[in-house]
Protein backbone atom coordinates (compact mmCIF):
# COMPACT_ATOMS: atom_id res chain seq x y z
CA UNK A 1 -11.85 45.35 18.82
CA UNK A 2 -9.63 44.53 21.66
CA UNK A 3 -11.45 41.14 22.11
CA UNK A 4 -11.13 40.40 18.40
CA UNK A 5 -7.36 41.00 18.50
CA UNK A 6 -6.96 38.77 21.53
CA UNK A 7 -8.83 35.95 19.84
CA UNK A 8 -6.75 36.35 16.67
CA UNK A 9 -3.55 36.29 18.79
CA UNK A 10 -4.81 33.34 20.61
CA UNK A 11 -5.63 31.50 17.32
CA UNK A 12 -2.20 32.35 15.88
CA UNK A 13 -0.51 30.93 19.00
CA UNK A 14 -2.55 27.77 18.92
CA UNK A 15 -1.85 27.24 15.14
CA UNK A 16 1.98 27.74 15.69
CA UNK A 17 1.97 25.38 18.59
CA UNK A 18 0.30 22.63 16.57
CA UNK A 19 2.68 23.27 13.56
CA UNK A 20 5.61 22.84 15.93
CA UNK A 21 4.23 19.90 17.85
CA UNK A 22 2.85 17.74 15.07
CA UNK A 23 4.86 16.56 12.03
CA UNK A 24 1.79 15.73 9.82
CA UNK A 25 -1.13 17.85 8.77
CA UNK A 26 -4.30 16.73 6.81
CA UNK A 27 -6.01 19.61 4.85
CA UNK A 28 -9.60 18.48 5.00
CA UNK A 29 -12.68 19.59 3.08
CA UNK A 30 -15.83 20.11 5.29
CA UNK A 31 -18.47 21.02 2.82
CA UNK A 32 -21.97 20.02 4.00
CA UNK A 33 -20.45 18.54 7.29
CA UNK A 34 -22.74 18.97 10.22
CA UNK A 35 -21.54 20.08 13.70
CA UNK A 36 -22.60 16.57 15.00
CA UNK A 37 -20.38 14.88 12.46
CA UNK A 38 -17.43 17.12 13.47
CA UNK A 39 -18.06 16.15 17.10
CA UNK A 40 -18.02 12.45 16.21
CA UNK A 41 -14.72 12.75 14.37
CA UNK A 42 -13.15 14.77 17.13
CA UNK A 43 -14.15 12.14 19.64
CA UNK A 44 -12.85 9.32 17.56
CA UNK A 45 -9.48 11.27 17.04
CA UNK A 46 -9.09 12.06 20.62
CA UNK A 47 -5.54 11.56 21.92
CA UNK A 48 -4.34 10.76 18.37
CA UNK A 49 -4.98 13.95 16.46
CA UNK A 50 -6.46 17.45 16.83
CA UNK A 51 -8.76 19.39 14.46
CA UNK A 52 -8.38 23.10 14.00
CA UNK A 53 -10.77 25.22 11.89
CA UNK A 54 -10.51 28.87 10.93
CA UNK A 55 -11.09 31.55 8.33
CA UNK A 56 -8.89 31.00 5.24
CA UNK A 57 -7.61 34.59 5.22
CA UNK A 58 -6.66 34.37 8.91
CA UNK A 59 -5.03 31.01 8.38
CA UNK A 60 -2.92 32.29 5.39
CA UNK A 61 -1.92 35.35 7.31
CA UNK A 62 -0.83 33.30 10.26
CA UNK A 63 1.28 30.82 8.22
CA UNK A 64 2.93 33.64 6.33
CA UNK A 65 3.93 35.16 9.64
CA UNK A 66 5.60 31.78 10.62
CA UNK A 67 7.58 31.28 7.50
CA UNK A 68 10.68 32.74 8.82
CA UNK A 69 10.93 30.02 11.37
CA UNK A 70 8.79 27.23 9.57
CA UNK A 71 9.43 27.78 5.85
CA UNK A 72 8.29 24.29 4.81
CA UNK A 73 4.69 25.19 5.63
CA UNK A 74 4.48 27.55 2.75
CA UNK A 75 3.58 24.49 0.78
CA UNK A 76 0.25 24.37 2.50
CA UNK A 77 -0.81 27.93 1.39
CA UNK A 78 -2.24 26.86 -2.11
CA UNK A 79 -4.60 24.45 -0.50
CA UNK A 80 -6.06 26.88 2.09
CA UNK A 81 -9.01 27.76 -0.10
CA UNK A 82 -12.70 26.96 0.08
CA UNK A 83 -14.35 25.33 3.11
CA UNK A 84 -11.24 23.49 4.69
CA UNK A 85 -9.75 22.81 8.11
CA UNK A 86 -6.65 21.04 9.49
CA UNK A 87 -6.09 17.79 11.27
CA UNK A 88 -2.71 17.55 13.10
CA UNK A 89 -1.26 14.23 14.10
CA UNK A 90 1.95 12.23 14.84
CA UNK A 91 0.23 8.95 14.33
CA UNK A 92 0.02 6.65 11.34
CA UNK A 93 -1.18 8.62 8.35
CA UNK A 94 -3.22 5.75 6.81
CA UNK A 95 -5.06 5.13 10.11
CA UNK A 96 -5.87 8.66 10.71
CA UNK A 97 -7.03 9.10 7.09
CA UNK A 98 -9.47 6.13 7.49
CA UNK A 99 -10.85 7.66 10.54
CA UNK A 100 -11.34 11.02 8.86
CA UNK A 101 -13.19 9.76 5.82
CA UNK A 102 -15.14 7.00 7.57
CA UNK A 103 -17.81 9.21 9.18
CA UNK A 104 -20.31 9.81 6.40
CA UNK A 105 -24.00 10.59 6.49
CA UNK A 106 -26.48 9.85 3.85
CA UNK A 107 -28.33 12.80 2.25
CA UNK A 108 -31.24 13.15 -0.12
CA UNK A 109 -30.67 14.17 -3.68
CA UNK A 110 -30.71 17.85 -4.43
CA UNK A 111 -31.30 19.39 -7.94
CA UNK A 112 -28.04 20.66 -9.20
CA UNK A 113 -25.86 18.41 -7.07
CA UNK A 114 -23.14 16.37 -8.73
CA UNK A 115 -23.67 12.64 -8.67
CA UNK A 116 -20.66 10.94 -6.81
CA UNK A 117 -21.49 7.60 -8.64
CA UNK A 118 -24.07 6.12 -11.00
CA UNK A 119 -27.57 6.41 -9.39
CA UNK A 120 -29.94 3.60 -10.00
CA UNK A 121 -33.58 3.13 -9.40
CA UNK A 122 -34.06 -0.58 -8.67
CA UNK A 123 -36.96 -2.81 -9.66
CA UNK A 124 -39.27 -2.88 -6.71
CA UNK A 125 -42.89 -2.46 -5.84
CA UNK A 126 -43.10 1.21 -4.78
CA UNK A 127 -46.47 0.92 -2.86
CA UNK A 128 -47.69 4.07 -4.60
CA UNK A 129 -51.14 4.47 -6.09
CA UNK A 130 -51.61 4.20 -9.85
CA UNK A 131 -52.22 7.93 -10.15
CA UNK A 132 -48.53 8.59 -10.12
CA UNK A 133 -47.78 6.40 -13.17
CA UNK A 134 -47.44 9.45 -15.45
CA UNK A 135 -44.65 10.80 -13.25
CA UNK A 136 -42.54 7.58 -13.79
CA UNK A 137 -43.37 7.46 -17.49
CA UNK A 138 -42.11 11.09 -17.99
CA UNK A 139 -38.68 9.99 -16.53
CA UNK A 140 -38.48 6.81 -18.71
CA UNK A 141 -38.94 4.40 -15.74
CA UNK A 142 -40.94 1.33 -16.87
CA UNK A 143 -43.62 0.36 -14.47
CA UNK A 144 -46.76 -1.77 -14.18
CA UNK A 145 -49.87 -1.88 -11.91
CA UNK A 146 -49.62 -4.83 -9.53
CA UNK A 147 -52.25 -5.27 -6.87
CA UNK A 148 -53.42 -1.72 -7.09
CA UNK A 149 -49.78 -0.23 -6.72
CA UNK A 150 -47.05 0.92 -9.04
CA UNK A 151 -44.28 -1.65 -9.52
CA UNK A 152 -40.94 -0.72 -11.31
CA UNK A 153 -40.27 -3.65 -13.61
CA UNK A 154 -36.58 -3.15 -14.33
CA UNK A 155 -33.50 -1.29 -12.97
CA UNK A 156 -33.09 2.07 -14.54
CA UNK A 157 -29.93 4.38 -14.28
CA UNK A 158 -31.40 7.80 -13.73
CA UNK A 159 -28.07 9.73 -13.37
CA UNK A 160 -24.49 9.00 -14.38
CA UNK A 161 -21.52 9.56 -12.28
CA UNK A 162 -20.20 13.11 -12.50
CA UNK A 163 -23.34 14.50 -14.02
CA UNK A 164 -25.62 16.98 -12.18
CA UNK A 165 -28.90 15.75 -10.82
CA UNK A 166 -31.92 17.33 -12.43
CA UNK A 167 -35.00 18.62 -10.74
CA UNK A 168 -37.13 15.61 -12.06
CA UNK A 169 -34.46 13.13 -11.00
CA UNK A 170 -34.25 14.64 -7.55
CA UNK A 171 -37.98 14.56 -7.16
CA UNK A 172 -38.17 10.91 -8.20
CA UNK A 173 -35.36 9.86 -5.83
CA UNK A 174 -36.88 11.66 -3.00
CA UNK A 175 -40.27 10.16 -3.77
CA UNK A 176 -38.67 6.72 -3.44
CA UNK A 177 -36.71 7.69 -0.32
CA UNK A 178 -33.36 7.09 -2.09
CA UNK A 179 -30.53 9.06 -0.64
CA UNK A 180 -27.58 8.70 -3.06
CA UNK A 181 -25.35 11.30 -1.54
CA UNK A 182 -23.10 11.04 1.43
CA UNK A 183 -21.52 13.97 3.23
CA UNK A 184 -18.42 13.83 5.37
CA UNK A 185 -14.85 15.14 5.81
CA UNK A 186 -12.68 14.68 2.69
CA UNK A 187 -8.91 14.75 2.59
CA UNK A 188 -7.67 17.55 0.25
CA UNK A 189 -3.93 17.27 0.76
CA UNK A 190 -1.47 15.67 3.19
CA UNK A 191 1.69 17.42 4.68
CA UNK A 192 4.31 15.17 6.17
CA UNK A 193 7.82 16.19 7.18
CA UNK A 194 8.12 18.93 4.57
CA UNK A 195 6.43 16.99 1.72
CA UNK A 196 2.97 17.59 0.43
CA UNK A 197 1.08 14.86 -1.51
CA UNK A 198 -2.51 13.72 -2.29
CA UNK A 199 -4.35 11.33 -0.04
CA UNK A 200 -4.31 8.57 -2.68
CA UNK A 201 -0.66 8.04 -2.00
CA UNK A 202 -1.74 6.56 1.42
CA UNK A 203 -3.80 3.87 -0.36
CA UNK A 204 -0.66 2.29 -1.77
CA UNK A 205 0.21 -0.94 0.18
CA UNK A 206 3.61 -2.17 1.40
CA UNK A 207 3.33 -5.07 -1.15
CA UNK A 208 2.87 -2.63 -4.06
CA UNK A 209 5.86 -0.55 -2.85
CA UNK A 210 8.06 -3.60 -2.61
CA UNK A 211 6.89 -4.82 -6.13
CA UNK A 212 7.60 -1.42 -7.65
CA UNK A 213 10.98 -1.26 -5.90
CA UNK A 214 12.02 -4.70 -7.10
CA UNK A 215 10.94 -3.97 -10.67
CA UNK A 216 13.08 -0.67 -10.61
CA UNK A 217 16.18 -2.56 -9.25
CA UNK A 218 15.81 -5.16 -11.95
CA UNK A 219 15.63 -2.43 -14.62
CA UNK A 220 18.70 -0.77 -13.29
CA UNK A 221 20.56 -4.06 -13.24
CA UNK A 222 19.65 -4.81 -16.80
CA UNK A 223 20.55 -1.46 -18.05
CA UNK A 224 23.93 -1.47 -16.17
CA UNK A 225 24.78 -5.02 -17.54
CA UNK A 226 23.85 -3.93 -21.03
CA UNK A 227 26.07 -0.85 -21.07
CA UNK A 228 28.87 -2.26 -18.97
CA UNK A 229 28.48 0.27 -16.16
CA UNK A 230 28.77 -1.29 -12.72
CA UNK A 231 26.05 -0.30 -10.19
CA UNK A 232 25.11 -1.73 -6.82
CA UNK A 233 22.17 -3.76 -8.33
CA UNK A 234 24.31 -5.12 -11.08
CA UNK A 235 27.64 -5.89 -9.34
CA UNK A 236 26.47 -9.30 -8.09
CA UNK A 237 25.43 -10.44 -11.59
CA UNK A 238 28.70 -9.17 -12.94
CA UNK A 239 30.81 -11.15 -10.45
CA UNK A 240 28.85 -14.29 -11.24
CA UNK A 241 29.08 -13.77 -15.02
CA UNK A 242 32.82 -13.08 -14.78
CA UNK A 243 33.40 -16.17 -12.70
CA UNK A 244 31.58 -18.24 -15.36
CA UNK A 245 33.99 -16.78 -17.89
CA UNK A 246 36.87 -17.63 -15.63
CA UNK A 247 35.72 -21.26 -15.46
CA UNK A 248 35.31 -21.50 -19.11
CA UNK A 249 38.82 -20.18 -19.74
CA UNK A 250 40.41 -22.50 -17.16
CA UNK A 251 38.62 -25.56 -18.57
CA UNK A 252 39.52 -24.73 -22.16
CA UNK A 253 43.14 -24.08 -21.30
CA UNK A 254 43.27 -27.15 -19.11
CA UNK A 255 44.34 -25.04 -16.14
CA UNK A 256 42.84 -27.01 -13.29
CA UNK A 257 42.96 -25.52 -9.76
CA UNK A 258 41.64 -27.46 -6.63
CA UNK A 259 38.25 -25.74 -6.61
CA UNK A 260 37.26 -27.09 -10.07
CA UNK A 261 38.96 -30.56 -10.09
CA UNK A 262 35.66 -32.35 -9.61
CA UNK A 263 33.83 -30.19 -12.25
CA UNK A 264 36.71 -30.90 -14.71
CA UNK A 265 36.56 -34.60 -13.98
CA UNK A 266 32.74 -34.65 -14.61
CA UNK A 267 33.42 -33.00 -18.03
CA UNK A 268 36.25 -35.42 -18.89
CA UNK A 269 34.53 -38.61 -17.64
CA UNK A 270 30.72 -38.15 -18.11
CA UNK A 271 30.10 -41.83 -18.44
CA UNK A 272 31.40 -42.52 -15.00
CA UNK A 273 28.78 -40.19 -13.43
CA UNK A 274 26.12 -41.30 -15.76
CA UNK A 275 26.60 -44.94 -14.94
CA UNK A 276 26.54 -44.11 -11.23
CA UNK A 277 23.13 -42.60 -11.44
CA UNK A 278 21.21 -45.89 -11.99
CA UNK A 279 23.18 -47.60 -9.28
CA UNK A 280 22.32 -44.85 -6.84
CA UNK A 281 18.69 -45.03 -7.88
CA UNK A 282 18.58 -48.83 -7.28
CA UNK A 283 20.47 -48.35 -3.89
CA UNK A 284 17.95 -45.84 -2.76
CA UNK A 285 15.00 -48.25 -3.23
CA UNK A 286 16.81 -50.82 -1.05
CA UNK A 287 18.47 -48.57 1.51
CA UNK A 288 16.95 -47.68 4.83
CA UNK A 289 15.14 -44.42 5.16
CA UNK A 290 17.87 -42.82 7.13
CA UNK A 291 20.30 -42.95 4.17
CA UNK A 292 18.03 -40.75 2.02
CA UNK A 293 19.72 -37.44 3.10
CA UNK A 294 23.11 -38.52 1.94
CA UNK A 295 21.83 -39.24 -1.53
CA UNK A 296 20.09 -35.94 -1.73
CA UNK A 297 23.34 -34.18 -0.80
CA UNK A 298 25.07 -36.02 -3.69
CA UNK A 299 22.34 -34.85 -6.07
CA UNK A 300 22.59 -31.24 -4.82
CA UNK A 301 26.40 -31.36 -5.49
CA UNK A 302 25.84 -32.60 -8.98
CA UNK A 303 23.35 -29.76 -9.75
CA UNK A 304 25.64 -27.15 -8.21
CA UNK A 305 28.54 -28.25 -10.35
CA UNK A 306 26.80 -28.12 -13.60
CA UNK A 307 24.76 -25.02 -12.83
CA UNK A 308 27.88 -23.09 -11.95
CA UNK A 309 29.49 -24.06 -15.26
CA UNK A 310 26.49 -23.18 -17.24
């Protein structure tokens, strides 16, 4: 009994040390994961993360004992159930998650197992003797005899994703050496700086985040402009729109200040600028190449003036 208490105390101390040292924790499922797979994952994560396993009752008891000093970790308690463990890290969550889920091992079909995806039997020559034809017929797999062996003539879906594998389907898949299942660590939940979220959040790219942010900002700006309530996203639009109104009032009342003298002249004498355009075009065809930037600058000024008024 003394040895058991010492081991528990040592485990509690190690768990607390990891909770204080690392800011992020992956709760990982380890169903059907072999010790060799765990060894490979530990080796890959060396110097980047640590894995800690333990009985759920002992883990929950330990975390509850730490809540006075580490209250945020109470959020982990609902996920400490089933066959799970912890991966502690301070590295990039996306990179660590990829390492955790990348180590998978193919496994044969078992009766009663849940199909992770649609399971197909592809058209192929099985190399089996004709005596097994009735077995394929019972499962609805079309076959023919070719060169003394059984050949499957078309692809057949034997189990749909999410359905359980029956005994007959499992026997057929094993007979054909098809291993549709893969076993490995799965990420149940992620804890990071006091927040708990599913692993799917880590699959969101920076481009998607930026696009959603820009869309949200545009929505806020539109609503703010519609109700006349200034916000940070809308204030730039409000300033531009109000300046356009100021220009319109100044031109309508013939109050010309220095900044809009050229714009007012363009409006009062449009023919002067319209007639200058063909001359400028003709000059551009005869002028040396080095004069092109000056003409582009004039065109830019024209566009700016009219755009501002519009």
